[in-house]
C-alpha atoms as a PDB file:
ATOM      1  CA  MET A   1    -146.593-229.479 -15.343  1.00  0.00           C
ATOM      2  CA  THR A   2    -143.052-230.628 -14.725  1.00  0.00           C
ATOM      3  CA  ILE A   3    -140.338-229.348 -17.029  1.00  0.00           C
ATOM      4  CA  THR A   4    -137.422-231.727 -17.496  1.00  0.00           C
ATOM      5  CA  PRO A   5    -133.825-230.863 -18.337  1.00  0.00           C
ATOM      6  CA  GLU A   6    -134.509-232.273 -21.813  1.00  0.00           C
ATOM      7  CA  ASP A   7    -137.440-229.847 -22.174  1.00  0.00           C
ATOM      8  CA  LEU A   8    -135.126-226.962 -21.316  1.00  0.00           C
ATOM      9  CA  VAL A   9    -132.759-228.042 -24.104  1.00  0.00           C
ATOM     10  CA  GLU A  10    -135.682-228.014 -26.573  1.00  0.00           C
ATOM     11  CA  ILE A  11    -136.851-224.602 -25.328  1.00  0.00           C
ATOM     12  CA  GLU A  12    -133.370-223.154 -25.868  1.00  0.00           C
ATOM     13  CA  ALA A  13    -133.313-224.600 -29.400  1.00  0.00           C
ATOM     14  CA  ILE A  14    -136.678-222.933 -30.091  1.00  0.00           C
ATOM     15  CA  LYS A  15    -135.339-219.601 -28.841  1.00  0.00           C
ATOM     16  CA  ALA A  16    -132.315-219.985 -31.098  1.00  0.00           C
ATOM     17  CA  VAL A  17    -134.406-220.532 -34.259  1.00  0.00           C
ATOM     18  CA  LYS A  18    -136.468-217.374 -33.573  1.00  0.00           C
ATOM     19  CA  TYR A  19    -133.329-215.343 -32.930  1.00  0.00           C
ATOM     20  CA  ARG A  20    -131.828-216.634 -36.206  1.00  0.00           C
ATOM     21  CA  TYR A  21    -135.061-215.731 -38.024  1.00  0.00           C
ATOM     22  CA  LEU A  22    -134.820-212.119 -36.830  1.00  0.00           C
ATOM     23  CA  ARG A  23    -131.077-211.865 -37.443  1.00  0.00           C
ATOM     24  CA  ALA A  24    -131.688-213.107 -40.976  1.00  0.00           C
ATOM     25  CA  VAL A  25    -134.375-210.444 -41.514  1.00  0.00           C
ATOM     26  CA  ASP A  26    -132.190-207.614 -40.198  1.00  0.00           C
ATOM     27  CA  LEU A  27    -129.096-208.746 -42.127  1.00  0.00           C
ATOM     28  CA  ARG A  28    -131.117-209.595 -45.263  1.00  0.00           C
ATOM     29  CA  ASP A  29    -129.695-213.106 -45.169  1.00  0.00           C
ATOM     30  CA  TRP A  30    -132.466-214.777 -47.143  1.00  0.00           C
ATOM     31  CA  GLU A  31    -130.802-218.204 -47.226  1.00  0.00           C
ATOM     32  CA  LEU A  32    -130.550-218.201 -43.422  1.00  0.00           C
ATOM     33  CA  LEU A  33    -134.168-217.058 -43.184  1.00  0.00           C
ATOM     34  CA  GLU A  34    -135.263-219.940 -45.414  1.00  0.00           C
ATOM     35  CA  SER A  35    -133.487-222.366 -43.085  1.00  0.00           C
ATOM     36  CA  THR A  36    -135.667-221.277 -40.154  1.00  0.00           C
ATOM     37  CA  LEU A  37    -138.996-221.963 -41.901  1.00  0.00           C
ATOM     38  CA  THR A  38    -140.789-225.103 -42.993  1.00  0.00           C
ATOM     39  CA  GLU A  39    -141.508-225.271 -46.712  1.00  0.00           C
ATOM     40  CA  ASP A  40    -145.249-224.886 -46.035  1.00  0.00           C
ATOM     41  CA  ALA A  41    -144.863-222.168 -43.389  1.00  0.00           C
ATOM     42  CA  THR A  42    -147.446-219.412 -43.101  1.00  0.00           C
ATOM     43  CA  ALA A  43    -147.125-215.840 -41.864  1.00  0.00           C
ATOM     44  CA  ALA A  44    -149.679-213.290 -40.690  1.00  0.00           C
ATOM     45  CA  TYR A  45    -147.939-209.985 -40.037  1.00  0.00           C
ATOM     46  CA  ALA A  46    -149.817-206.899 -38.789  1.00  0.00           C
ATOM     47  CA  ALA A  47    -152.680-208.980 -37.328  1.00  0.00           C
ATOM     48  CA  GLY A  48    -153.087-210.803 -40.634  1.00  0.00           C
ATOM     49  CA  LYS A  49    -153.226-207.754 -42.901  1.00  0.00           C
ATOM     50  CA  LEU A  50    -150.077-209.121 -44.546  1.00  0.00           C
ATOM     51  CA  SER A  51    -150.526-212.891 -44.885  1.00  0.00           C
ATOM     52  CA  TYR A  52    -148.382-215.344 -46.851  1.00  0.00           C
ATOM     53  CA  ASP A  53    -148.549-219.079 -47.537  1.00  0.00           C
ATOM     54  CA  GLY A  54    -145.315-220.955 -48.077  1.00  0.00           C
ATOM     55  CA  ARG A  55    -141.670-220.278 -47.279  1.00  0.00           C
ATOM     56  CA  ASP A  56    -141.013-218.834 -50.743  1.00  0.00           C
ATOM     57  CA  ALA A  57    -143.880-216.339 -50.404  1.00  0.00           C
ATOM     58  CA  ILE A  58    -142.751-215.240 -46.933  1.00  0.00           C
ATOM     59  CA  VAL A  59    -139.112-214.789 -47.932  1.00  0.00           C
ATOM     60  CA  GLY A  60    -140.153-213.100 -51.188  1.00  0.00           C
ATOM     61  CA  PHE A  61    -142.325-210.591 -49.345  1.00  0.00           C
ATOM     62  CA  LEU A  62    -139.568-209.722 -46.875  1.00  0.00           C
ATOM     63  CA  ARG A  63    -136.901-209.541 -49.601  1.00  0.00           C
ATOM     64  CA  ASP A  64    -139.054-207.196 -51.700  1.00  0.00           C
ATOM     65  CA  SER A  65    -140.147-204.968 -48.824  1.00  0.00           C
ATOM     66  CA  MET A  66    -136.754-204.636 -47.087  1.00  0.00           C
ATOM     67  CA  PRO A  67    -134.135-203.521 -49.617  1.00  0.00           C
ATOM     68  CA  VAL A  68    -130.556-203.502 -48.313  1.00  0.00           C
ATOM     69  CA  LYS A  69    -129.515-200.072 -49.513  1.00  0.00           C
ATOM     70  CA  GLU A  70    -132.696-198.210 -48.589  1.00  0.00           C
ATOM     71  CA  MET A  71    -133.757-199.654 -45.231  1.00  0.00           C
ATOM     72  CA  LEU A  72    -132.096-200.429 -41.907  1.00  0.00           C
ATOM     73  CA  SER A  73    -133.907-202.465 -39.273  1.00  0.00           C
ATOM     74  CA  ALA A  74    -133.519-203.920 -35.806  1.00  0.00           C
ATOM     75  CA  HIS A  75    -135.995-206.491 -34.498  1.00  0.00           C
ATOM     76  CA  ARG A  76    -135.677-207.726 -30.907  1.00  0.00           C
ATOM     77  CA  VAL A  77    -137.840-210.368 -29.261  1.00  0.00           C
ATOM     78  CA  HIS A  78    -137.869-211.080 -25.564  1.00  0.00           C
ATOM     79  CA  HIS A  79    -140.062-212.498 -22.787  1.00  0.00           C
ATOM     80  CA  PRO A  80    -140.555-215.850 -24.554  1.00  0.00           C
ATOM     81  CA  GLU A  81    -143.457-218.025 -23.497  1.00  0.00           C
ATOM     82  CA  ILE A  82    -142.764-221.437 -25.017  1.00  0.00           C
ATOM     83  CA  GLU A  83    -144.943-224.505 -24.652  1.00  0.00           C
ATOM     84  CA  LEU A  84    -143.861-227.927 -25.870  1.00  0.00           C
ATOM     85  CA  THR A  85    -147.123-229.432 -27.107  1.00  0.00           C
ATOM     86  CA  SER A  86    -145.585-232.775 -28.166  1.00  0.00           C
ATOM     87  CA  PRO A  87    -142.063-234.116 -28.748  1.00  0.00           C
ATOM     88  CA  THR A  88    -142.120-232.485 -32.212  1.00  0.00           C
ATOM     89  CA  THR A  89    -144.461-229.470 -31.858  1.00  0.00           C
ATOM     90  CA  ALA A  90    -144.460-226.267 -29.848  1.00  0.00           C
ATOM     91  CA  THR A  91    -146.045-222.843 -29.596  1.00  0.00           C
ATOM     92  CA  ALA A  92    -144.283-219.641 -28.643  1.00  0.00           C
ATOM     93  CA  ARG A  93    -145.176-216.047 -27.871  1.00  0.00           C
ATOM     94  CA  TRP A  94    -142.648-213.236 -27.879  1.00  0.00           C
ATOM     95  CA  ALA A  95    -142.675-209.518 -27.126  1.00  0.00           C
ATOM     96  CA  LEU A  96    -141.248-207.595 -30.113  1.00  0.00           C
ATOM     97  CA  ASP A  97    -139.587-204.191 -30.247  1.00  0.00           C
ATOM     98  CA  ASP A  98    -138.578-203.000 -33.690  1.00  0.00           C
ATOM     99  CA  THR A  99    -137.104-199.990 -35.428  1.00  0.00           C
ATOM    100  CA  VAL A 100    -136.963-199.355 -39.169  1.00  0.00           C
ATOM    101  CA  ILE A 101    -134.990-196.441 -40.629  1.00  0.00           C
ATOM    102  CA  MET A 102    -135.055-195.243 -44.222  1.00  0.00           C
ATOM    103  CA  PRO A 103    -132.244-192.637 -44.330  1.00  0.00           C
ATOM    104  CA  ALA A 104    -132.937-191.315 -47.833  1.00  0.00           C
ATOM    105  CA  SER A 105    -136.563-190.632 -46.930  1.00  0.00           C
ATOM    106  CA  ASN A 106    -135.832-189.222 -43.459  1.00  0.00           C
ATOM    107  CA  PHE A 107    -138.289-191.827 -42.155  1.00  0.00           C
ATOM    108  CA  GLN A 108    -138.289-193.899 -38.987  1.00  0.00           C
ATOM    109  CA  LEU A 109    -140.793-196.432 -37.706  1.00  0.00           C
ATOM    110  CA  ARG A 110    -140.759-197.722 -34.161  1.00  0.00           C
ATOM    111  CA  GLY A 111    -143.134-200.203 -32.654  1.00  0.00           C
ATOM    112  CA  ALA A 112    -143.988-203.006 -30.308  1.00  0.00           C
ATOM    113  CA  ALA A 113    -145.972-206.156 -30.914  1.00  0.00           C
ATOM    114  CA  TYR A 114    -146.535-209.710 -29.809  1.00  0.00           C
ATOM    115  CA  TYR A 115    -145.428-212.548 -32.067  1.00  0.00           C
ATOM    116  CA  SER A 116    -147.235-215.900 -32.004  1.00  0.00           C
ATOM    117  CA  ASP A 117    -145.395-218.850 -33.506  1.00  0.00           C
ATOM    118  CA  GLU A 118    -146.004-222.504 -34.154  1.00  0.00           C
ATOM    119  CA  LEU A 119    -142.973-224.733 -34.512  1.00  0.00           C
ATOM    120  CA  VAL A 120    -142.266-228.286 -35.612  1.00  0.00           C
ATOM    121  CA  LYS A 121    -139.197-230.437 -35.209  1.00  0.00           C
ATOM    122  CA  VAL A 122    -138.037-231.681 -38.609  1.00  0.00           C
ATOM    123  CA  ASP A 123    -135.113-234.112 -38.816  1.00  0.00           C
ATOM    124  CA  GLY A 124    -134.063-233.134 -35.293  1.00  0.00           C
ATOM    125  CA  GLU A 125    -134.195-229.376 -35.935  1.00  0.00           C
ATOM    126  CA  TRP A 126    -136.872-226.879 -34.844  1.00  0.00           C
ATOM    127  CA  LYS A 127    -138.456-224.866 -37.663  1.00  0.00           C
ATOM    128  CA  ILE A 128    -141.132-222.195 -37.684  1.00  0.00           C
ATOM    129  CA  SER A 129    -144.314-223.439 -39.337  1.00  0.00           C
ATOM    130  CA  HIS A 130    -146.346-220.303 -38.594  1.00  0.00           C
ATOM    131  CA  THR A 131    -145.346-216.855 -37.469  1.00  0.00           C
ATOM    132  CA  GLY A 132    -147.145-213.580 -37.099  1.00  0.00           C
ATOM    133  CA  TYR A 133    -147.596-210.572 -34.906  1.00  0.00           C
ATOM    134  CA  ARG A 134    -150.185-208.081 -33.765  1.00  0.00           C
ATOM    135  CA  ARG A 135    -149.066-204.561 -32.945  1.00  0.00           C
ATOM    136  CA  LEU A 136    -149.381-202.962 -29.551  1.00  0.00           C
ATOM    137  CA  TYR A 137    -148.446-199.730 -31.297  1.00  0.00           C
ATOM    138  CA  GLU A 138    -146.564-198.364 -34.263  1.00  0.00           C
ATOM    139  CA  GLU A 139    -145.325-194.825 -34.691  1.00  0.00           C
ATOM    140  CA  THR A 140    -143.509-193.045 -37.479  1.00  0.00           C
ATOM    141  CA  VAL A 141    -141.421-189.913 -37.294  1.00  0.00           C
ATOM    142  CA  SER A 142    -139.516-187.678 -39.666  1.00  0.00           C
ATOM    143  CA  ARG A 143    -135.769-187.813 -39.167  1.00  0.00           C
ATOM    144  CA  ASP A 144    -135.004-184.387 -40.638  1.00  0.00           C
ATOM    145  CA  GLY A 145    -131.620-183.286 -39.349  1.00  0.00           C
ATOM    146  CA  VAL A 146    -130.622-186.810 -38.290  1.00  0.00           C
ATOM    147  CA  THR A 147    -127.842-188.565 -40.183  1.00  0.00           C
ATOM    148  CA  VAL A 148    -126.992-192.251 -40.120  1.00  0.00           C
ATOM    149  CA  THR A 149    -123.222-192.244 -39.623  1.00  0.00           C
ATOM    150  CA  ASP A 150    -122.580-195.984 -39.933  1.00  0.00           C
ATOM    151  CA  HIS A 151    -124.429-199.219 -40.679  1.00  0.00           C
ATOM    152  CA  TRP A 152    -123.861-202.892 -41.445  1.00  0.00           C
ATOM    153  CA  TRP A 153    -123.601-202.401 -45.213  1.00  0.00           C
ATOM    154  CA  ALA A 154    -121.554-199.170 -45.214  1.00  0.00           C
ATOM    155  CA  ASP A 155    -118.514-200.860 -46.768  1.00  0.00           C
ATOM    156  CA  GLU A 156    -120.656-202.711 -49.319  1.00  0.00           C
ATOM    157  CA  VAL A 157    -122.575-199.684 -50.574  1.00  0.00           C
ATOM    158  CA  GLY A 158    -119.738-197.179 -50.430  1.00  0.00           C
ATOM    159  CA  SER A 159    -120.883-194.877 -47.656  1.00  0.00           C
ATOM    160  CA  ALA A 160    -123.164-194.590 -44.692  1.00  0.00           C
END
């Protein structure tokens, strides 16, 4: 299969929408997150154990399960495998590394997974129509004796 320069432009646009999706999750920017998803998007997190139909359901789940003041997170995807299946559809797979910290509970989760996405081009812009991951592993540890000394919302919530 020959990849054209135009295909490379589309692939970069697909990477950008996934990166925005994760930045929106980590920064709790729900409006930005909504902009990355189709209205009828679906999600199947944790190998489908947590499944949601519709953009509102997906964003609602993430908003409710990731409170700003109680949880810090960092999600990083890499090693993209993107296939343009038509001029307006694509599939993508990504390796995920993530960390979640809940300072008040002395809790930390660290894991790795593989995301599988389906994307569609709507009005010239790539959007995620399905997303989900299956874990390679997940581990949790107690953070007793560890203090978070700074974070994104430190100024907003008064202290780290």
